Amino acid sequence: NQRNNYSYGYDPQDQLRYFQTPSPGTANGASTITG
């Protein structure tokens, strides 16, 4: 399930995470949101 204005993808350690600040077209930052 996704939330409004969050993205979901791979963090720099190749772990799937939610991102409070989406980064389309650039590298994803770190995130501690796992679910």
PDB file of all heavy atoms in Angstrom:
ATOM      1  N   ASN A   1       0.838  -1.204   0.000  1.00  0.00           N
ATOM      2  CA  ASN A   1       0.000   0.000   0.000  1.00  0.00           C
ATOM      3  C   ASN A   1       0.868   1.247   0.000  1.00  0.00           C
ATOM      4  O   ASN A   1       1.897   1.287   0.667  1.00  0.00           O
ATOM      5  CB  ASN A   1      -0.901   0.041   1.235  1.00  0.00           C
ATOM      6  CG  ASN A   1      -2.047  -0.918   1.150  1.00  0.00           C
ATOM      7  OD1 ASN A   1      -2.439  -1.334   0.070  1.00  0.00           O
ATOM      8  ND2 ASN A   1      -2.604  -1.267   2.293  1.00  0.00           N
ATOM      9  N   GLN A   2       0.421   2.249  -0.737  1.00  0.00           N
ATOM     10  CA  GLN A   2       1.170   3.497  -0.845  1.00  0.00           C
ATOM     11  C   GLN A   2       0.412   4.631  -0.169  1.00  0.00           C
ATOM     12  O   GLN A   2      -0.793   4.560   0.017  1.00  0.00           O
ATOM     13  CB  GLN A   2       1.414   3.821  -2.319  1.00  0.00           C
ATOM     14  CG  GLN A   2       2.158   2.730  -3.054  1.00  0.00           C
ATOM     15  CD  GLN A   2       3.550   2.499  -2.520  1.00  0.00           C
ATOM     16  OE1 GLN A   2       4.384   3.389  -2.559  1.00  0.00           O
ATOM     17  NE2 GLN A   2       3.803   1.307  -1.995  1.00  0.00           N
ATOM     18  N   ARG A   3       1.138   5.676   0.167  1.00  0.00           N
ATOM     19  CA  ARG A   3       0.555   6.846   0.824  1.00  0.00           C
ATOM     20  C   ARG A   3       0.730   8.073  -0.066  1.00  0.00           C
ATOM     21  O   ARG A   3       1.691   8.158  -0.835  1.00  0.00           O
ATOM     22  CB  ARG A   3       1.230   7.101   2.181  1.00  0.00           C
ATOM     23  CG  ARG A   3       1.019   5.969   3.183  1.00  0.00           C
ATOM     24  CD  ARG A   3      -0.460   5.812   3.511  1.00  0.00           C
ATOM     25  NE  ARG A   3      -0.708   4.849   4.546  1.00  0.00           N
ATOM     26  CZ  ARG A   3      -1.226   3.642   4.347  1.00  0.00           C
ATOM     27  NH1 ARG A   3      -1.523   3.240   3.142  1.00  0.00           N
ATOM     28  NH2 ARG A   3      -1.458   2.832   5.345  1.00  0.00           N
ATOM     29  N   ASN A   4      -0.162   9.040   0.079  1.00  0.00           N
ATOM     30  CA  ASN A   4      -0.115  10.268  -0.719  1.00  0.00           C
ATOM     31  C   ASN A   4       1.236  10.957  -0.609  1.00  0.00           C
ATOM     32  O   ASN A   4       1.733  11.198   0.502  1.00  0.00           O
ATOM     33  CB  ASN A   4      -1.204  11.242  -0.289  1.00  0.00           C
ATOM     34  CG  ASN A   4      -2.584  10.748  -0.647  1.00  0.00           C
ATOM     35  OD1 ASN A   4      -2.757   9.820  -1.426  1.00  0.00           O
ATOM     36  ND2 ASN A   4      -3.592  11.390  -0.064  1.00  0.00           N
ATOM     37  N   ASN A   5       1.812  11.248  -1.776  1.00  0.00           N
ATOM     38  CA  ASN A   5       3.043  12.025  -1.915  1.00  0.00           C
ATOM     39  C   ASN A   5       4.293  11.366  -1.339  1.00  0.00           C
ATOM     40  O   ASN A   5       5.304  12.034  -1.165  1.00  0.00           O
ATOM     41  CB  ASN A   5       2.863  13.431  -1.342  1.00  0.00           C
ATOM     42  CG  ASN A   5       1.783  14.175  -2.085  1.00  0.00           C
ATOM     43  OD1 ASN A   5       1.749  14.169  -3.309  1.00  0.00           O
ATOM     44  ND2 ASN A   5       0.870  14.783  -1.351  1.00  0.00           N
ATOM     45  N   TYR A   6       4.237  10.086  -1.051  1.00  0.00           N
ATOM     46  CA  TYR A   6       5.418   9.307  -0.692  1.00  0.00           C
ATOM     47  C   TYR A   6       5.763   8.440  -1.898  1.00  0.00           C
ATOM     48  O   TYR A   6       4.904   8.120  -2.714  1.00  0.00           O
ATOM     49  CB  TYR A   6       5.138   8.385   0.502  1.00  0.00           C
ATOM     50  CG  TYR A   6       5.193   9.075   1.849  1.00  0.00           C
ATOM     51  CD1 TYR A   6       4.240  10.017   2.206  1.00  0.00           C
ATOM     52  CD2 TYR A   6       6.193   8.766   2.755  1.00  0.00           C
ATOM     53  CE1 TYR A   6       4.287  10.656   3.432  1.00  0.00           C
ATOM     54  CE2 TYR A   6       6.243   9.394   3.997  1.00  0.00           C
ATOM     55  CZ  TYR A   6       5.284  10.335   4.327  1.00  0.00           C
ATOM     56  OH  TYR A   6       5.335  10.955   5.542  1.00  0.00           O
ATOM     57  N   SER A   7       7.015   8.063  -2.002  1.00  0.00           N
ATOM     58  CA  SER A   7       7.400   7.102  -3.029  1.00  0.00           C
ATOM     59  C   SER A   7       7.900   5.836  -2.349  1.00  0.00           C
ATOM     60  O   SER A   7       8.058   5.795  -1.125  1.00  0.00           O
ATOM     61  CB  SER A   7       8.460   7.687  -3.964  1.00  0.00           C
ATOM     62  OG  SER A   7       9.681   7.893  -3.282  1.00  0.00           O
ATOM     63  N   TYR A   8       8.163   4.817  -3.150  1.00  0.00           N
ATOM     64  CA  TYR A   8       8.604   3.523  -2.648  1.00  0.00           C
ATOM     65  C   TYR A   8       9.688   3.018  -3.585  1.00  0.00           C
ATOM     66  O   TYR A   8       9.533   3.086  -4.811  1.00  0.00           O
ATOM     67  CB  TYR A   8       7.420   2.560  -2.617  1.00  0.00           C
ATOM     68  CG  TYR A   8       7.723   1.190  -2.071  1.00  0.00           C
ATOM     69  CD1 TYR A   8       7.884   0.992  -0.704  1.00  0.00           C
ATOM     70  CD2 TYR A   8       7.852   0.093  -2.919  1.00  0.00           C
ATOM     71  CE1 TYR A   8       8.154  -0.274  -0.195  1.00  0.00           C
ATOM     72  CE2 TYR A   8       8.115  -1.173  -2.412  1.00  0.00           C
ATOM     73  CZ  TYR A   8       8.268  -1.352  -1.052  1.00  0.00           C
ATOM     74  OH  TYR A   8       8.534  -2.604  -0.555  1.00  0.00           O
ATOM     75  N   GLY A   9      10.776   2.551  -3.031  1.00  0.00           N
ATOM     76  CA  GLY A   9      11.847   2.050  -3.883  1.00  0.00           C
ATOM     77  C   GLY A   9      13.057   1.615  -3.093  1.00  0.00           C
ATOM     78  O   GLY A   9      12.973   1.372  -1.889  1.00  0.00           O
ATOM     79  N   TYR A  10      14.190   1.546  -3.787  1.00  0.00           N
ATOM     80  CA  TYR A  10      15.438   1.068  -3.193  1.00  0.00           C
ATOM     81  C   TYR A  10      16.243   2.217  -2.606  1.00  0.00           C
ATOM     82  O   TYR A  10      16.461   3.233  -3.267  1.00  0.00           O
ATOM     83  CB  TYR A  10      16.278   0.345  -4.240  1.00  0.00           C
ATOM     84  CG  TYR A  10      15.713  -0.991  -4.622  1.00  0.00           C
ATOM     85  CD1 TYR A  10      14.947  -1.132  -5.770  1.00  0.00           C
ATOM     86  CD2 TYR A  10      15.926  -2.110  -3.834  1.00  0.00           C
ATOM     87  CE1 TYR A  10      14.411  -2.356  -6.128  1.00  0.00           C
ATOM     88  CE2 TYR A  10      15.384  -3.337  -4.174  1.00  0.00           C
ATOM     89  CZ  TYR A  10      14.630  -3.457  -5.318  1.00  0.00           C
ATOM     90  OH  TYR A  10      14.094  -4.665  -5.658  1.00  0.00           O
ATOM     91  N   ASP A  11      16.693   2.028  -1.363  1.00  0.00           N
ATOM     92  CA  ASP A  11      17.572   3.015  -0.737  1.00  0.00           C
ATOM     93  C   ASP A  11      19.021   2.719  -1.156  1.00  0.00           C
ATOM     94  O   ASP A  11      19.263   1.766  -1.910  1.00  0.00           O
ATOM     95  CB  ASP A  11      17.377   3.026   0.779  1.00  0.00           C
ATOM     96  CG  ASP A  11      17.912   1.796   1.504  1.00  0.00           C
ATOM     97  OD1 ASP A  11      18.548   0.920   0.868  1.00  0.00           O
ATOM     98  OD2 ASP A  11      17.704   1.698   2.724  1.00  0.00           O
ATOM     99  N   PRO A  12      20.005   3.507  -0.707  1.00  0.00           N
ATOM    100  CA  PRO A  12      21.397   3.276  -1.106  1.00  0.00           C
ATOM    101  C   PRO A  12      21.961   1.910  -0.696  1.00  0.00           C
ATOM    102  O   PRO A  12      22.954   1.453  -1.262  1.00  0.00           O
ATOM    103  CB  PRO A  12      22.159   4.411  -0.410  1.00  0.00           C
ATOM    104  CG  PRO A  12      21.147   5.506  -0.298  1.00  0.00           C
ATOM    105  CD  PRO A  12      19.843   4.791  -0.022  1.00  0.00           C
ATOM    106  N   GLN A  13      21.323   1.235   0.253  1.00  0.00           N
ATOM    107  CA  GLN A  13      21.765  -0.112   0.661  1.00  0.00           C
ATOM    108  C   GLN A  13      20.948  -1.206  -0.027  1.00  0.00           C
ATOM    109  O   GLN A  13      20.968  -2.363   0.396  1.00  0.00           O
ATOM    110  CB  GLN A  13      21.667  -0.277   2.183  1.00  0.00           C
ATOM    111  CG  GLN A  13      22.721   0.486   2.958  1.00  0.00           C
ATOM    112  CD  GLN A  13      22.442   1.981   2.994  1.00  0.00           C
ATOM    113  OE1 GLN A  13      21.312   2.424   3.176  1.00  0.00           O
ATOM    114  NE2 GLN A  13      23.486   2.767   2.807  1.00  0.00           N
ATOM    115  N   ASP A  14      20.208  -0.857  -1.075  1.00  0.00           N
ATOM    116  CA  ASP A  14      19.370  -1.783  -1.845  1.00  0.00           C
ATOM    117  C   ASP A  14      18.273  -2.435  -1.017  1.00  0.00           C
ATOM    118  O   ASP A  14      17.866  -3.565  -1.270  1.00  0.00           O
ATOM    119  CB  ASP A  14      20.217  -2.861  -2.539  1.00  0.00           C
ATOM    120  CG  ASP A  14      20.940  -2.317  -3.749  1.00  0.00           C
ATOM    121  OD1 ASP A  14      20.476  -1.315  -4.320  1.00  0.00           O
ATOM    122  OD2 ASP A  14      21.976  -2.895  -4.123  1.00  0.00           O
ATOM    123  N   GLN A  15      17.771  -1.710  -0.025  1.00  0.00           N
ATOM    124  CA  GLN A  15      16.629  -2.150   0.770  1.00  0.00           C
ATOM    125  C   GLN A  15      15.399  -1.380   0.302  1.00  0.00           C
ATOM    126  O   GLN A  15      15.478  -0.178   0.039  1.00  0.00           O
ATOM    127  CB  GLN A  15      16.866  -1.878   2.259  1.00  0.00           C
ATOM    128  CG  GLN A  15      18.078  -2.579   2.833  1.00  0.00           C
ATOM    129  CD  GLN A  15      17.928  -4.085   2.798  1.00  0.00           C
ATOM    130  OE1 GLN A  15      16.887  -4.626   3.164  1.00  0.00           O
ATOM    131  NE2 GLN A  15      18.971  -4.765   2.348  1.00  0.00           N
ATOM    132  N   LEU A  16      14.267  -2.068   0.188  1.00  0.00           N
ATOM    133  CA  LEU A  16      13.028  -1.394  -0.203  1.00  0.00           C
ATOM    134  C   LEU A  16      12.504  -0.561   0.959  1.00  0.00           C
ATOM    135  O   LEU A  16      12.378  -1.060   2.080  1.00  0.00           O
ATOM    136  CB  LEU A  16      11.982  -2.408  -0.666  1.00  0.00           C
ATOM    137  CG  LEU A  16      12.253  -3.011  -2.037  1.00  0.00           C
ATOM    138  CD1 LEU A  16      11.335  -4.194  -2.304  1.00  0.00           C
ATOM    139  CD2 LEU A  16      12.096  -1.955  -3.129  1.00  0.00           C
ATOM    140  N   ARG A  17      12.211   0.698   0.669  1.00  0.00           N
ATOM    141  CA  ARG A  17      11.767   1.648   1.684  1.00  0.00           C
ATOM    142  C   ARG A  17      10.733   2.597   1.100  1.00  0.00           C
ATOM    143  O   ARG A  17      10.629   2.778  -0.103  1.00  0.00           O
ATOM    144  CB  ARG A  17      12.943   2.516   2.153  1.00  0.00           C
ATOM    145  CG  ARG A  17      14.112   1.779   2.728  1.00  0.00           C
ATOM    146  CD  ARG A  17      13.871   1.493   4.175  1.00  0.00           C
ATOM    147  NE  ARG A  17      15.097   1.031   4.800  1.00  0.00           N
ATOM    148  CZ  ARG A  17      15.178  -0.065   5.513  1.00  0.00           C
ATOM    149  NH1 ARG A  17      14.126  -0.800   5.702  1.00  0.00           N
ATOM    150  NH2 ARG A  17      16.302  -0.430   6.055  1.00  0.00           N
ATOM    151  N   TYR A  18      10.003   3.269   1.984  1.00  0.00           N
ATOM    152  CA  TYR A  18       9.171   4.404   1.616  1.00  0.00           C
ATOM    153  C   TYR A  18      10.038   5.656   1.728  1.00  0.00           C
ATOM    154  O   TYR A  18      10.909   5.735   2.591  1.00  0.00           O
ATOM    155  CB  TYR A  18       7.979   4.546   2.569  1.00  0.00           C
ATOM    156  CG  TYR A  18       6.930   3.480   2.395  1.00  0.00           C
ATOM    157  CD1 TYR A  18       6.971   2.312   3.139  1.00  0.00           C
ATOM    158  CD2 TYR A  18       5.893   3.650   1.492  1.00  0.00           C
ATOM    159  CE1 TYR A  18       5.999   1.330   2.985  1.00  0.00           C
ATOM    160  CE2 TYR A  18       4.918   2.674   1.334  1.00  0.00           C
ATOM    161  CZ  TYR A  18       4.990   1.522   2.078  1.00  0.00           C
ATOM    162  OH  TYR A  18       4.027   0.556   1.927  1.00  0.00           O
ATOM    163  N   PHE A  19       9.772   6.641   0.858  1.00  0.00           N
ATOM    164  CA  PHE A  19      10.518   7.891   0.893  1.00  0.00           C
ATOM    165  C   PHE A  19       9.558   9.052   1.067  1.00  0.00           C
ATOM    166  O   PHE A  19       8.644   9.237   0.261  1.00  0.00           O
ATOM    167  CB  PHE A  19      11.331   8.079  -0.398  1.00  0.00           C
ATOM    168  CG  PHE A  19      12.375   7.022  -0.593  1.00  0.00           C
ATOM    169  CD1 PHE A  19      12.121   5.938  -1.410  1.00  0.00           C
ATOM    170  CD2 PHE A  19      13.595   7.097   0.066  1.00  0.00           C
ATOM    171  CE1 PHE A  19      13.064   4.944  -1.588  1.00  0.00           C
ATOM    172  CE2 PHE A  19      14.547   6.112  -0.108  1.00  0.00           C
ATOM    173  CZ  PHE A  19      14.281   5.026  -0.937  1.00  0.00           C
ATOM    174  N   GLN A  20       9.777   9.832   2.123  1.00  0.00           N
ATOM    175  CA  GLN A  20       8.949  11.001   2.369  1.00  0.00           C
ATOM    176  C   GLN A  20       9.203  12.059   1.295  1.00  0.00           C
ATOM    177  O   GLN A  20       8.306  12.812   0.930  1.00  0.00           O
ATOM    178  CB  GLN A  20       9.233  11.581   3.752  1.00  0.00           C
ATOM    179  CG  GLN A  20       8.315  12.717   4.129  1.00  0.00           C
ATOM    180  CD  GLN A  20       8.509  13.146   5.566  1.00  0.00           C
ATOM    181  OE1 GLN A  20       9.389  12.667   6.275  1.00  0.00           O
ATOM    182  NE2 GLN A  20       7.675  14.061   6.021  1.00  0.00           N
ATOM    183  N   THR A  21      10.422  12.088   0.772  1.00  0.00           N
ATOM    184  CA  THR A  21      10.775  13.001  -0.312  1.00  0.00           C
ATOM    185  C   THR A  21      11.113  12.170  -1.541  1.00  0.00           C
ATOM    186  O   THR A  21      12.214  11.633  -1.653  1.00  0.00           O
ATOM    187  CB  THR A  21      11.980  13.885   0.084  1.00  0.00           C
ATOM    188  OG1 THR A  21      11.667  14.568   1.296  1.00  0.00           O
ATOM    189  CG2 THR A  21      12.300  14.883  -1.007  1.00  0.00           C
ATOM    190  N   PRO A  22      10.171  12.015  -2.473  1.00  0.00           N
ATOM    191  CA  PRO A  22      10.447  11.259  -3.701  1.00  0.00           C
ATOM    192  C   PRO A  22      11.587  11.904  -4.491  1.00  0.00           C
ATOM    193  O   PRO A  22      11.808  13.117  -4.397  1.00  0.00           O
ATOM    194  CB  PRO A  22       9.130  11.338  -4.470  1.00  0.00           C
ATOM    195  CG  PRO A  22       8.088  11.565  -3.420  1.00  0.00           C
ATOM    196  CD  PRO A  22       8.772  12.444  -2.414  1.00  0.00           C
ATOM    197  N   SER A  23      12.289  11.087  -5.272  1.00  0.00           N
ATOM    198  CA  SER A  23      13.430  11.600  -6.032  1.00  0.00           C
ATOM    199  C   SER A  23      13.418  11.082  -7.468  1.00  0.00           C
ATOM    200  O   SER A  23      14.349  10.412  -7.894  1.00  0.00           O
ATOM    201  CB  SER A  23      14.730  11.210  -5.332  1.00  0.00           C
ATOM    202  OG  SER A  23      14.803   9.790  -5.201  1.00  0.00           O
ATOM    203  N   PRO A  24      12.365  11.390  -8.238  1.00  0.00           N
ATOM    204  CA  PRO A  24      12.304  10.880  -9.611  1.00  0.00           C
ATOM    205  C   PRO A  24      13.457  11.414 -10.466  1.00  0.00           C
ATOM    206  O   PRO A  24      13.713  12.610 -10.504  1.00  0.00           O
ATOM    207  CB  PRO A  24      10.956  11.401 -10.116  1.00  0.00           C
ATOM    208  CG  PRO A  24      10.653  12.593  -9.269  1.00  0.00           C
ATOM    209  CD  PRO A  24      11.257  12.296  -7.933  1.00  0.00           C
ATOM    210  N   GLY A  25      14.176  10.498 -11.107  1.00  0.00           N
ATOM    211  CA  GLY A  25      15.263  10.872 -11.997  1.00  0.00           C
ATOM    212  C   GLY A  25      16.602  11.052 -11.328  1.00  0.00           C
ATOM    213  O   GLY A  25      17.588  11.376 -11.988  1.00  0.00           O
ATOM    214  N   THR A  26      16.671  10.847 -10.019  1.00  0.00           N
ATOM    215  CA  THR A  26      17.931  10.960  -9.283  1.00  0.00           C
ATOM    216  C   THR A  26      18.027   9.839  -8.260  1.00  0.00           C
ATOM    217  O   THR A  26      17.051   9.137  -7.996  1.00  0.00           O
ATOM    218  CB  THR A  26      18.055  12.320  -8.560  1.00  0.00           C
ATOM    219  OG1 THR A  26      16.990  12.422  -7.602  1.00  0.00           O
ATOM    220  CG2 THR A  26      17.994  13.490  -9.514  1.00  0.00           C
ATOM    221  N   ALA A  27      19.206   9.707  -7.655  1.00  0.00           N
ATOM    222  CA  ALA A  27      19.433   8.655  -6.663  1.00  0.00           C
ATOM    223  C   ALA A  27      18.520   8.854  -5.453  1.00  0.00           C
ATOM    224  O   ALA A  27      18.258   9.984  -5.043  1.00  0.00           O
ATOM    225  CB  ALA A  27      20.887   8.662  -6.218  1.00  0.00           C
ATOM    226  N   ASN A  28      18.048   7.760  -4.902  1.00  0.00           N
ATOM    227  CA  ASN A  28      17.222   7.810  -3.701  1.00  0.00           C
ATOM    228  C   ASN A  28      18.108   8.029  -2.491  1.00  0.00           C
ATOM    229  O   ASN A  28      19.198   7.473  -2.403  1.00  0.00           O
ATOM    230  CB  ASN A  28      16.435   6.511  -3.532  1.00  0.00           C
ATOM    231  CG  ASN A  28      15.472   6.280  -4.662  1.00  0.00           C
ATOM    232  OD1 ASN A  28      15.066   7.210  -5.347  1.00  0.00           O
ATOM    233  ND2 ASN A  28      15.105   5.029  -4.882  1.00  0.00           N
ATOM    234  N   GLY A  29      17.610   8.805  -1.559  1.00  0.00           N
ATOM    235  CA  GLY A  29      18.347   9.049  -0.329  1.00  0.00           C
ATOM    236  C   GLY A  29      18.082   7.955   0.688  1.00  0.00           C
ATOM    237  O   GLY A  29      17.427   6.949   0.408  1.00  0.00           O
ATOM    238  N   ALA A  30      18.586   8.158   1.874  1.00  0.00           N
ATOM    239  CA  ALA A  30      18.364   7.210   2.965  1.00  0.00           C
ATOM    240  C   ALA A  30      16.952   7.397   3.516  1.00  0.00           C
ATOM    241  O   ALA A  30      16.383   8.479   3.439  1.00  0.00           O
ATOM    242  CB  ALA A  30      19.393   7.433   4.065  1.00  0.00           C
ATOM    243  N   SER A  31      16.394   6.319   4.052  1.00  0.00           N
ATOM    244  CA  SER A  31      15.078   6.378   4.664  1.00  0.00           C
ATOM    245  C   SER A  31      14.992   5.309   5.736  1.00  0.00           C
ATOM    246  O   SER A  31      15.510   4.212   5.566  1.00  0.00           O
ATOM    247  CB  SER A  31      13.986   6.136   3.623  1.00  0.00           C
ATOM    248  OG  SER A  31      12.716   6.090   4.244  1.00  0.00           O
ATOM    249  N   THR A  32      14.339   5.635   6.814  1.00  0.00           N
ATOM    250  CA  THR A  32      14.126   4.654   7.876  1.00  0.00           C
ATOM    251  C   THR A  32      12.702   4.129   7.873  1.00  0.00           C
ATOM    252  O   THR A  32      12.346   3.318   8.713  1.00  0.00           O
ATOM    253  CB  THR A  32      14.429   5.282   9.254  1.00  0.00           C
ATOM    254  OG1 THR A  32      13.584   6.418   9.430  1.00  0.00           O
ATOM    255  CG2 THR A  32      15.888   5.697   9.361  1.00  0.00           C
ATOM    256  N   ILE A  33      11.879   4.587   6.917  1.00  0.00           N
ATOM    257  CA  ILE A  33      10.477   4.164   6.859  1.00  0.00           C
ATOM    258  C   ILE A  33      10.404   2.822   6.135  1.00  0.00           C
ATOM    259  O   ILE A  33      10.632   2.746   4.933  1.00  0.00           O
ATOM    260  CB  ILE A  33       9.600   5.199   6.120  1.00  0.00           C
ATOM    261  CG1 ILE A  33       9.801   6.591   6.703  1.00  0.00           C
ATOM    262  CG2 ILE A  33       8.133   4.786   6.185  1.00  0.00           C
ATOM    263  CD1 ILE A  33       9.175   7.694   5.872  1.00  0.00           C
ATOM    264  N   THR A  34      10.100   1.759   6.873  1.00  0.00           N
ATOM    265  CA  THR A  34      10.066   0.422   6.273  1.00  0.00           C
ATOM    266  C   THR A  34       8.652  -0.062   5.994  1.00  0.00           C
ATOM    267  O   THR A  34       8.461  -1.016   5.265  1.00  0.00           O
ATOM    268  CB  THR A  34      10.754  -0.605   7.185  1.00  0.00           C
ATOM    269  OG1 THR A  34      10.108  -0.594   8.458  1.00  0.00           O
ATOM    270  CG2 THR A  34      12.228  -0.281   7.344  1.00  0.00           C
ATOM    271  N   GLY A  35       7.677   0.565   6.593  1.00  0.00           N
ATOM    272  CA  GLY A  35       6.293   0.137   6.400  1.00  0.00           C
ATOM    273  C   GLY A  35       5.347   1.223   6.837  1.00  0.00           C
ATOM    274  O   GLY A  35       5.759   2.303   7.246  1.00  0.00           O
TER     275      GLY A  35
END
